[in-house]
């Protein structure tokens, strides 16, 4: 699905935003050059609880401080991602 030439940005955003989306599809979208350049896709991938942790951590560096602050308090994501968001937020403030 993620590699289909007919898939639209709206479709990708819906897939990435849904917590019911298969992990393999999220991985394919995150690995796609086309979709991983989209800032909104990156943010949604990090906030999706089914996104593989290494991929979510990879996209954390592309988020703003308010987004990191929101992630640090989010209980629906992996503890590792939340912890790393807190660490990066503190590092930016110093």
PDB file of N, CA and C in Angstrom:
ATOM      1  N   UNK A   1       0.828  -1.194   0.000  1.00  0.00           N
ATOM      2  CA  UNK A   1       0.000   0.000   0.000  1.00  0.00           C
ATOM      3  C   UNK A   1       0.870   1.255   0.000  1.00  0.00           C
ATOM      4  N   UNK A   2       1.891   1.289   0.845  1.00  0.00           N
ATOM      5  CA  UNK A   2       2.722   2.484   0.974  1.00  0.00           C
ATOM      6  C   UNK A   2       3.502   2.780  -0.299  1.00  0.00           C
ATOM      7  N   UNK A   3       3.778   1.770  -1.100  1.00  0.00           N
ATOM      8  CA  UNK A   3       4.555   1.970  -2.318  1.00  0.00           C
ATOM      9  C   UNK A   3       3.691   2.207  -3.541  1.00  0.00           C
ATOM     10  N   UNK A   4       2.385   2.225  -3.376  1.00  0.00           N
ATOM     11  CA  UNK A   4       1.476   2.426  -4.488  1.00  0.00           C
ATOM     12  C   UNK A   4       1.635   3.836  -5.054  1.00  0.00           C
ATOM     13  N   UNK A   5       1.740   3.967  -6.366  1.00  0.00           N
ATOM     14  CA  UNK A   5       1.875   5.305  -6.949  1.00  0.00           C
ATOM     15  C   UNK A   5       0.584   6.122  -6.827  1.00  0.00           C
ATOM     16  N   UNK A   6      -0.521   5.478  -6.531  1.00  0.00           N
ATOM     17  CA  UNK A   6      -1.802   6.176  -6.454  1.00  0.00           C
ATOM     18  C   UNK A   6      -2.159   6.629  -5.043  1.00  0.00           C
ATOM     19  N   UNK A   7      -1.325   6.332  -4.070  1.00  0.00           N
ATOM     20  CA  UNK A   7      -1.629   6.717  -2.696  1.00  0.00           C
ATOM     21  C   UNK A   7      -1.409   8.221  -2.537  1.00  0.00           C
ATOM     22  N   UNK A   8      -2.336   8.858  -1.854  1.00  0.00           N
ATOM     23  CA  UNK A   8      -2.250  10.311  -1.676  1.00  0.00           C
ATOM     24  C   UNK A   8      -1.680  10.649  -0.300  1.00  0.00           C
ATOM     25  N   UNK A   9      -1.318  11.888  -0.146  1.00  0.00           N
ATOM     26  CA  UNK A   9      -0.790  12.345   1.138  1.00  0.00           C
ATOM     27  C   UNK A   9      -1.854  12.182   2.230  1.00  0.00           C
ATOM     28  N   UNK A  10      -3.082  12.456   1.888  1.00  0.00           N
ATOM     29  CA  UNK A  10      -4.183  12.318   2.844  1.00  0.00           C
ATOM     30  C   UNK A  10      -4.294  10.869   3.338  1.00  0.00           C
ATOM     31  N   UNK A  11      -4.173   9.911   2.415  1.00  0.00           N
ATOM     32  CA  UNK A  11      -4.236   8.495   2.791  1.00  0.00           C
ATOM     33  C   UNK A  11      -3.104   8.132   3.747  1.00  0.00           C
ATOM     34  N   UNK A  12      -1.916   8.584   3.415  1.00  0.00           N
ATOM     35  CA  UNK A  12      -0.749   8.287   4.256  1.00  0.00           C
ATOM     36  C   UNK A  12      -0.933   8.882   5.647  1.00  0.00           C
ATOM     37  N   UNK A  13      -1.418  10.113   5.720  1.00  0.00           N
ATOM     38  CA  UNK A  13      -1.637  10.749   7.019  1.00  0.00           C
ATOM     39  C   UNK A  13      -2.685   9.986   7.841  1.00  0.00           C
ATOM     40  N   UNK A  14      -3.714   9.479   7.181  1.00  0.00           N
ATOM     41  CA  UNK A  14      -4.723   8.687   7.886  1.00  0.00           C
ATOM     42  C   UNK A  14      -4.132   7.383   8.413  1.00  0.00           C
ATOM     43  N   UNK A  15      -3.330   6.713   7.604  1.00  0.00           N
ATOM     44  CA  UNK A  15      -2.701   5.463   8.036  1.00  0.00           C
ATOM     45  C   UNK A  15      -1.784   5.703   9.229  1.00  0.00           C
ATOM     46  N   UNK A  16      -0.973   6.734   9.136  1.00  0.00           N
ATOM     47  CA  UNK A  16       0.022   7.005  10.170  1.00  0.00           C
ATOM     48  C   UNK A  16      -0.642   7.462  11.470  1.00  0.00           C
ATOM     49  N   UNK A  17      -1.752   8.151  11.371  1.00  0.00           N
ATOM     50  CA  UNK A  17      -2.439   8.653  12.560  1.00  0.00           C
ATOM     51  C   UNK A  17      -3.211   7.563  13.298  1.00  0.00           C
ATOM     52  N   UNK A  18      -3.561   6.491  12.616  1.00  0.00           N
ATOM     53  CA  UNK A  18      -4.377   5.446  13.225  1.00  0.00           C
ATOM     54  C   UNK A  18      -3.529   4.491  14.072  1.00  0.00           C
ATOM     55  N   UNK A  19      -3.982   4.260  15.289  1.00  0.00           N
ATOM     56  CA  UNK A  19      -3.293   3.310  16.168  1.00  0.00           C
ATOM     57  C   UNK A  19      -3.574   1.874  15.765  1.00  0.00           C
ATOM     58  N   UNK A  20      -4.454   1.677  14.800  1.00  0.00           N
ATOM     59  CA  UNK A  20      -4.787   0.334  14.336  1.00  0.00           C
ATOM     60  C   UNK A  20      -3.959  -0.100  13.128  1.00  0.00           C
ATOM     61  N   UNK A  21      -3.156   0.801  12.597  1.00  0.00           N
ATOM     62  CA  UNK A  21      -2.354   0.502  11.420  1.00  0.00           C
ATOM     63  C   UNK A  21      -1.277  -0.526  11.752  1.00  0.00           C
ATOM     64  N   UNK A  22      -1.073  -1.442  10.826  1.00  0.00           N
ATOM     65  CA  UNK A  22      -0.080  -2.499  10.974  1.00  0.00           C
ATOM     66  C   UNK A  22       1.322  -1.899  11.086  1.00  0.00           C
ATOM     67  N   UNK A  23       2.136  -2.486  11.942  1.00  0.00           N
ATOM     68  CA  UNK A  23       3.510  -2.027  12.155  1.00  0.00           C
ATOM     69  C   UNK A  23       4.339  -2.067  10.871  1.00  0.00           C
ATOM     70  N   UNK A  24       4.114  -3.077  10.034  1.00  0.00           N
ATOM     71  CA  UNK A  24       4.863  -3.185   8.787  1.00  0.00           C
ATOM     72  C   UNK A  24       4.551  -2.034   7.842  1.00  0.00           C
ATOM     73  N   UNK A  25       3.299  -1.604   7.818  1.00  0.00           N
ATOM     74  CA  UNK A  25       2.917  -0.467   6.976  1.00  0.00           C
ATOM     75  C   UNK A  25       3.552   0.815   7.508  1.00  0.00           C
ATOM     76  N   UNK A  26       3.555   0.989   8.813  1.00  0.00           N
ATOM     77  CA  UNK A  26       4.202   2.163   9.401  1.00  0.00           C
ATOM     78  C   UNK A  26       5.692   2.172   9.086  1.00  0.00           C
ATOM     79  N   UNK A  27       6.311   1.009   9.144  1.00  0.00           N
ATOM     80  CA  UNK A  27       7.736   0.899   8.821  1.00  0.00           C
ATOM     81  C   UNK A  27       7.987   1.258   7.358  1.00  0.00           C
ATOM     82  N   UNK A  28       7.126   0.783   6.465  1.00  0.00           N
ATOM     83  CA  UNK A  28       7.280   1.077   5.039  1.00  0.00           C
ATOM     84  C   UNK A  28       7.125   2.571   4.767  1.00  0.00           C
ATOM     85  N   UNK A  29       6.175   3.203   5.424  1.00  0.00           N
ATOM     86  CA  UNK A  29       5.979   4.648   5.245  1.00  0.00           C
ATOM     87  C   UNK A  29       7.181   5.411   5.798  1.00  0.00           C
ATOM     88  N   UNK A  30       7.657   5.031   6.974  1.00  0.00           N
ATOM     89  CA  UNK A  30       8.807   5.700   7.582  1.00  0.00           C
ATOM     90  C   UNK A  30      10.090   5.517   6.793  1.00  0.00           C
ATOM     91  N   UNK A  31      10.227   4.385   6.126  1.00  0.00           N
ATOM     92  CA  UNK A  31      11.429   4.124   5.327  1.00  0.00           C
ATOM     93  C   UNK A  31      11.362   4.758   3.941  1.00  0.00           C
ATOM     94  N   UNK A  32      10.178   5.177   3.527  1.00  0.00           N
ATOM     95  CA  UNK A  32      10.005   5.787   2.211  1.00  0.00           C
ATOM     96  C   UNK A  32      10.604   7.189   2.196  1.00  0.00           C
ATOM     97  N   UNK A  33      11.457   7.465   1.241  1.00  0.00           N
ATOM     98  CA  UNK A  33      12.057   8.796   1.113  1.00  0.00           C
ATOM     99  C   UNK A  33      10.991   9.864   0.909  1.00  0.00           C
ATOM    100  N   UNK A  34      10.022   9.531   0.094  1.00  0.00           N
ATOM    101  CA  UNK A  34       8.971  10.502  -0.225  1.00  0.00           C
ATOM    102  C   UNK A  34       8.179  10.914   1.013  1.00  0.00           C
ATOM    103  N   UNK A  35       7.751   9.944   1.801  1.00  0.00           N
ATOM    104  CA  UNK A  35       6.883  10.247   2.934  1.00  0.00           C
ATOM    105  C   UNK A  35       7.654  10.671   4.171  1.00  0.00           C
ATOM    106  N   UNK A  36       8.869  10.215   4.345  1.00  0.00           N
ATOM    107  CA  UNK A  36       9.620  10.582   5.548  1.00  0.00           C
ATOM    108  C   UNK A  36      10.144  12.016   5.489  1.00  0.00           C
ATOM    109  N   UNK A  37      10.013  12.677   4.360  1.00  0.00           N
ATOM    110  CA  UNK A  37      10.395  14.083   4.268  1.00  0.00           C
ATOM    111  C   UNK A  37       9.263  15.006   4.721  1.00  0.00           C
ATOM    112  N   UNK A  38       8.064  14.472   4.835  1.00  0.00           N
ATOM    113  CA  UNK A  38       6.896  15.238   5.250  1.00  0.00           C
ATOM    114  C   UNK A  38       6.911  15.397   6.769  1.00  0.00           C
ATOM    115  N   UNK A  39       6.932  16.631   7.232  1.00  0.00           N
ATOM    116  CA  UNK A  39       7.026  16.921   8.665  1.00  0.00           C
ATOM    117  C   UNK A  39       5.843  16.353   9.446  1.00  0.00           C
ATOM    118  N   UNK A  40       4.663  16.446   8.888  1.00  0.00           N
ATOM    119  CA  UNK A  40       3.464  15.938   9.565  1.00  0.00           C
ATOM    120  C   UNK A  40       3.527  14.415   9.707  1.00  0.00           C
ATOM    121  N   UNK A  41       4.021  13.734   8.686  1.00  0.00           N
ATOM    122  CA  UNK A  41       4.165  12.278   8.736  1.00  0.00           C
ATOM    123  C   UNK A  41       5.149  11.897   9.843  1.00  0.00           C
ATOM    124  N   UNK A  42       6.255  12.617   9.945  1.00  0.00           N
ATOM    125  CA  UNK A  42       7.241  12.334  10.994  1.00  0.00           C
ATOM    126  C   UNK A  42       6.628  12.472  12.376  1.00  0.00           C
ATOM    127  N   UNK A  43       5.891  13.545  12.586  1.00  0.00           N
ATOM    128  CA  UNK A  43       5.277  13.798  13.886  1.00  0.00           C
ATOM    129  C   UNK A  43       4.265  12.709  14.226  1.00  0.00           C
ATOM    130  N   UNK A  44       3.449  12.333  13.258  1.00  0.00           N
ATOM    131  CA  UNK A  44       2.452  11.293  13.497  1.00  0.00           C
ATOM    132  C   UNK A  44       3.090   9.923  13.718  1.00  0.00           C
ATOM    133  N   UNK A  45       4.176   9.648  13.029  1.00  0.00           N
ATOM    134  CA  UNK A  45       4.873   8.379  13.241  1.00  0.00           C
ATOM    135  C   UNK A  45       5.393   8.280  14.672  1.00  0.00           C
ATOM    136  N   UNK A  46       5.931   9.367  15.181  1.00  0.00           N
ATOM    137  CA  UNK A  46       6.476   9.355  16.543  1.00  0.00           C
ATOM    138  C   UNK A  46       5.356   9.170  17.568  1.00  0.00           C
ATOM    139  N   UNK A  47       4.196   9.747  17.321  1.00  0.00           N
ATOM    140  CA  UNK A  47       3.104   9.663  18.289  1.00  0.00           C
ATOM    141  C   UNK A  47       2.275   8.391  18.160  1.00  0.00           C
ATOM    142  N   UNK A  48       2.483   7.617  17.111  1.00  0.00           N
ATOM    143  CA  UNK A  48       1.722   6.388  16.939  1.00  0.00           C
ATOM    144  C   UNK A  48       2.350   5.292  17.812  1.00  0.00           C
ATOM    145  N   UNK A  49       1.555   4.662  18.688  1.00  0.00           N
ATOM    146  CA  UNK A  49       2.115   3.653  19.588  1.00  0.00           C
ATOM    147  C   UNK A  49       2.603   2.384  18.883  1.00  0.00           C
ATOM    148  N   UNK A  50       2.189   2.149  17.657  1.00  0.00           N
ATOM    149  CA  UNK A  50       2.619   0.952  16.928  1.00  0.00           C
ATOM    150  C   UNK A  50       3.873   1.174  16.087  1.00  0.00           C
ATOM    151  N   UNK A  51       4.340   2.390  15.999  1.00  0.00           N
ATOM    152  CA  UNK A  51       5.571   2.657  15.253  1.00  0.00           C
ATOM    153  C   UNK A  51       6.734   1.991  15.977  1.00  0.00           C
ATOM    154  N   UNK A  52       7.588   1.270  15.260  1.00  0.00           N
ATOM    155  CA  UNK A  52       8.761   0.659  15.913  1.00  0.00           C
ATOM    156  C   UNK A  52       9.599   1.724  16.628  1.00  0.00           C
ATOM    157  N   UNK A  53      10.053   1.408  17.817  1.00  0.00           N
ATOM    158  CA  UNK A  53      10.782   2.368  18.652  1.00  0.00           C
ATOM    159  C   UNK A  53      12.005   2.953  17.952  1.00  0.00           C
ATOM    160  N   UNK A  54      12.849   2.153  17.278  1.00  0.00           N
ATOM    161  CA  UNK A  54      14.008   2.763  16.614  1.00  0.00           C
ATOM    162  C   UNK A  54      13.608   3.817  15.566  1.00  0.00           C
ATOM    163  N   UNK A  55      12.519   3.572  14.868  1.00  0.00           N
ATOM    164  CA  UNK A  55      12.061   4.542  13.870  1.00  0.00           C
ATOM    165  C   UNK A  55      11.548   5.806  14.551  1.00  0.00           C
ATOM    166  N   UNK A  56      10.787   5.658  15.622  1.00  0.00           N
ATOM    167  CA  UNK A  56      10.267   6.818  16.348  1.00  0.00           C
ATOM    168  C   UNK A  56      11.418   7.658  16.894  1.00  0.00           C
ATOM    169  N   UNK A  57      12.433   6.990  17.429  1.00  0.00           N
ATOM    170  CA  UNK A  57      13.597   7.711  17.962  1.00  0.00           C
ATOM    171  C   UNK A  57      14.354   8.444  16.859  1.00  0.00           C
ATOM    172  N   UNK A  58      14.400   7.861  15.682  1.00  0.00           N
ATOM    173  CA  UNK A  58      15.085   8.480  14.546  1.00  0.00           C
ATOM    174  C   UNK A  58      14.423   9.805  14.168  1.00  0.00           C
ATOM    175  N   UNK A  59      13.102   9.882  14.273  1.00  0.00           N
ATOM    176  CA  UNK A  59      12.389  11.093  13.873  1.00  0.00           C
ATOM    177  C   UNK A  59      12.260  12.126  14.992  1.00  0.00           C
ATOM    178  N   UNK A  60      12.649  11.789  16.214  1.00  0.00           N
ATOM    179  CA  UNK A  60      12.551  12.743  17.318  1.00  0.00           C
ATOM    180  C   UNK A  60      13.371  14.002  17.076  1.00  0.00           C
ATOM    181  N   UNK A  61      14.492  13.870  16.425  1.00  0.00           N
ATOM    182  CA  UNK A  61      15.356  15.022  16.172  1.00  0.00           C
ATOM    183  C   UNK A  61      14.755  16.051  15.239  1.00  0.00           C
ATOM    184  N   UNK A  62      13.674  15.712  14.582  1.00  0.00           N
ATOM    185  CA  UNK A  62      13.033  16.613  13.634  1.00  0.00           C
ATOM    186  C   UNK A  62      11.868  17.379  14.248  1.00  0.00           C
ATOM    187  N   UNK A  63      11.625  17.180  15.538  1.00  0.00           N
ATOM    188  CA  UNK A  63      10.478  17.804  16.182  1.00  0.00           C
ATOM    189  C   UNK A  63      10.886  19.052  16.957  1.00  0.00           C
ATOM    190  N   UNK A  64       9.938  19.959  17.120  1.00  0.00           N
ATOM    191  CA  UNK A  64      10.188  21.201  17.850  1.00  0.00           C
ATOM    192  C   UNK A  64      10.094  20.950  19.364  1.00  0.00           C
ATOM    193  N   UNK A  65      10.512  21.925  20.147  1.00  0.00           N
ATOM    194  CA  UNK A  65      10.482  21.808  21.601  1.00  0.00           C
ATOM    195  C   UNK A  65       9.053  21.619  22.122  1.00  0.00           C
ATOM    196  N   UNK A  66       8.061  22.376  21.632  1.00  0.00           N
ATOM    197  CA  UNK A  66       6.690  22.120  22.110  1.00  0.00           C
ATOM    198  C   UNK A  66       6.200  20.700  21.778  1.00  0.00           C
ATOM    199  N   UNK A  67       6.591  20.191  20.629  1.00  0.00           N
ATOM    200  CA  UNK A  67       6.211  18.824  20.270  1.00  0.00           C
ATOM    201  C   UNK A  67       6.904  17.812  21.179  1.00  0.00           C
ATOM    202  N   UNK A  68       8.172  18.053  21.497  1.00  0.00           N
ATOM    203  CA  UNK A  68       8.893  17.181  22.426  1.00  0.00           C
ATOM    204  C   UNK A  68       8.260  17.216  23.815  1.00  0.00           C
ATOM    205  N   UNK A  69       7.852  18.400  24.232  1.00  0.00           N
ATOM    206  CA  UNK A  69       7.197  18.552  25.530  1.00  0.00           C
ATOM    207  C   UNK A  69       5.898  17.749  25.575  1.00  0.00           C
ATOM    208  N   UNK A  70       5.141  17.804  24.508  1.00  0.00           N
ATOM    209  CA  UNK A  70       3.893  17.048  24.429  1.00  0.00           C
ATOM    210  C   UNK A  70       4.171  15.537  24.458  1.00  0.00           C
ATOM    211  N   UNK A  71       5.198  15.106  23.741  1.00  0.00           N
ATOM    212  CA  UNK A  71       5.561  13.687  23.727  1.00  0.00           C
ATOM    213  C   UNK A  71       6.043  13.218  25.097  1.00  0.00           C
ATOM    214  N   UNK A  72       6.767  14.062  25.787  1.00  0.00           N
ATOM    215  CA  UNK A  72       7.294  13.688  27.100  1.00  0.00           C
ATOM    216  C   UNK A  72       6.174  13.389  28.083  1.00  0.00           C
ATOM    217  N   UNK A  73       5.014  13.990  27.891  1.00  0.00           N
ATOM    218  CA  UNK A  73       3.872  13.772  28.779  1.00  0.00           C
ATOM    219  C   UNK A  73       2.868  12.762  28.238  1.00  0.00           C
ATOM    220  N   UNK A  74       3.084  12.272  27.031  1.00  0.00           N
ATOM    221  CA  UNK A  74       2.148  11.351  26.387  1.00  0.00           C
ATOM    222  C   UNK A  74       2.294   9.949  26.979  1.00  0.00           C
ATOM    223  N   UNK A  75       1.226   9.414  27.524  1.00  0.00           N
ATOM    224  CA  UNK A  75       1.248   8.079  28.136  1.00  0.00           C
ATOM    225  C   UNK A  75       0.911   6.980  27.127  1.00  0.00           C
ATOM    226  N   UNK A  76       0.542   7.340  25.905  1.00  0.00           N
ATOM    227  CA  UNK A  76       0.129   6.353  24.903  1.00  0.00           C
ATOM    228  C   UNK A  76       1.268   5.906  23.991  1.00  0.00           C
ATOM    229  N   UNK A  77       2.456   6.422  24.205  1.00  0.00           N
ATOM    230  CA  UNK A  77       3.595   6.023  23.377  1.00  0.00           C
ATOM    231  C   UNK A  77       4.551   5.189  24.214  1.00  0.00           C
ATOM    232  N   UNK A  78       5.535   4.632  23.559  1.00  0.00           N
ATOM    233  CA  UNK A  78       6.530   3.813  24.242  1.00  0.00           C
ATOM    234  C   UNK A  78       7.260   4.638  25.309  1.00  0.00           C
ATOM    235  N   UNK A  79       7.568   3.998  26.418  1.00  0.00           N
ATOM    236  CA  UNK A  79       8.297   4.671  27.501  1.00  0.00           C
ATOM    237  C   UNK A  79       9.667   5.132  27.023  1.00  0.00           C
ATOM    238  N   UNK A  80      10.292   4.373  26.136  1.00  0.00           N
ATOM    239  CA  UNK A  80      11.616   4.755  25.620  1.00  0.00           C
ATOM    240  C   UNK A  80      11.526   6.042  24.806  1.00  0.00           C
ATOM    241  N   UNK A  81      10.486   6.180  24.020  1.00  0.00           N
ATOM    242  CA  UNK A  81      10.308   7.385  23.204  1.00  0.00           C
ATOM    243  C   UNK A  81      10.007   8.574  24.100  1.00  0.00           C
ATOM    244  N   UNK A  82       9.149   8.392  25.082  1.00  0.00           N
ATOM    245  CA  UNK A  82       8.818   9.463  26.020  1.00  0.00           C
ATOM    246  C   UNK A  82      10.057   9.915  26.802  1.00  0.00           C
ATOM    247  N   UNK A  83      10.830   8.957  27.259  1.00  0.00           N
ATOM    248  CA  UNK A  83      12.057   9.255  28.020  1.00  0.00           C
ATOM    249  C   UNK A  83      13.062  10.026  27.157  1.00  0.00           C
ATOM    250  N   UNK A  84      13.222   9.601  25.912  1.00  0.00           N
ATOM    251  CA  UNK A  84      14.152  10.288  25.011  1.00  0.00           C
ATOM    252  C   UNK A  84      13.662  11.696  24.687  1.00  0.00           C
ATOM    253  N   UNK A  85      12.352  11.882  24.554  1.00  0.00           N
ATOM    254  CA  UNK A  85      11.796  13.213  24.310  1.00  0.00           C
ATOM    255  C   UNK A  85      12.105  14.133  25.490  1.00  0.00           C
ATOM    256  N   UNK A  86      11.961  13.615  26.714  1.00  0.00           N
ATOM    257  CA  UNK A  86      12.298  14.396  27.910  1.00  0.00           C
ATOM    258  C   UNK A  86      13.775  14.774  27.911  1.00  0.00           C
ATOM    259  N   UNK A  87      14.618  13.790  27.579  1.00  0.00           N
ATOM    260  CA  UNK A  87      16.063  14.043  27.575  1.00  0.00           C
ATOM    261  C   UNK A  87      16.430  15.116  26.553  1.00  0.00           C
ATOM    262  N   UNK A  88      15.858  15.045  25.381  1.00  0.00           N
ATOM    263  CA  UNK A  88      16.161  16.033  24.337  1.00  0.00           C
ATOM    264  C   UNK A  88      15.613  17.417  24.694  1.00  0.00           C
ATOM    265  N   UNK A  89      14.473  17.433  25.339  1.00  0.00           N
ATOM    266  CA  UNK A  89      13.879  18.711  25.737  1.00  0.00           C
ATOM    267  C   UNK A  89      14.771  19.409  26.755  1.00  0.00           C
ATOM    268  N   UNK A  90      15.283  18.652  27.705  1.00  0.00           N
ATOM    269  CA  UNK A  90      16.181  19.220  28.724  1.00  0.00           C
ATOM    270  C   UNK A  90      17.475  19.697  28.060  1.00  0.00           C
ATOM    271  N   UNK A  91      17.990  18.925  27.113  1.00  0.00           N
ATOM    272  CA  UNK A  91      19.238  19.293  26.433  1.00  0.00           C
ATOM    273  C   UNK A  91      19.074  20.576  25.630  1.00  0.00           C
ATOM    274  N   UNK A  92      17.906  20.788  25.046  1.00  0.00           N
ATOM    275  CA  UNK A  92      17.662  21.996  24.254  1.00  0.00           C
ATOM    276  C   UNK A  92      17.562  23.215  25.146  1.00  0.00           C
ATOM    277  N   UNK A  93      17.018  23.039  26.325  1.00  0.00           N
ATOM    278  CA  UNK A  93      16.837  24.170  27.250  1.00  0.00           C
ATOM    279  C   UNK A  93      18.148  24.658  27.861  1.00  0.00           C
ATOM    280  N   UNK A  94      19.160  23.804  27.901  1.00  0.00           N
ATOM    281  CA  UNK A  94      20.448  24.189  28.524  1.00  0.00           C
ATOM    282  C   UNK A  94      21.245  25.103  27.653  1.00  0.00           C
TER     283      UNK A  94
END
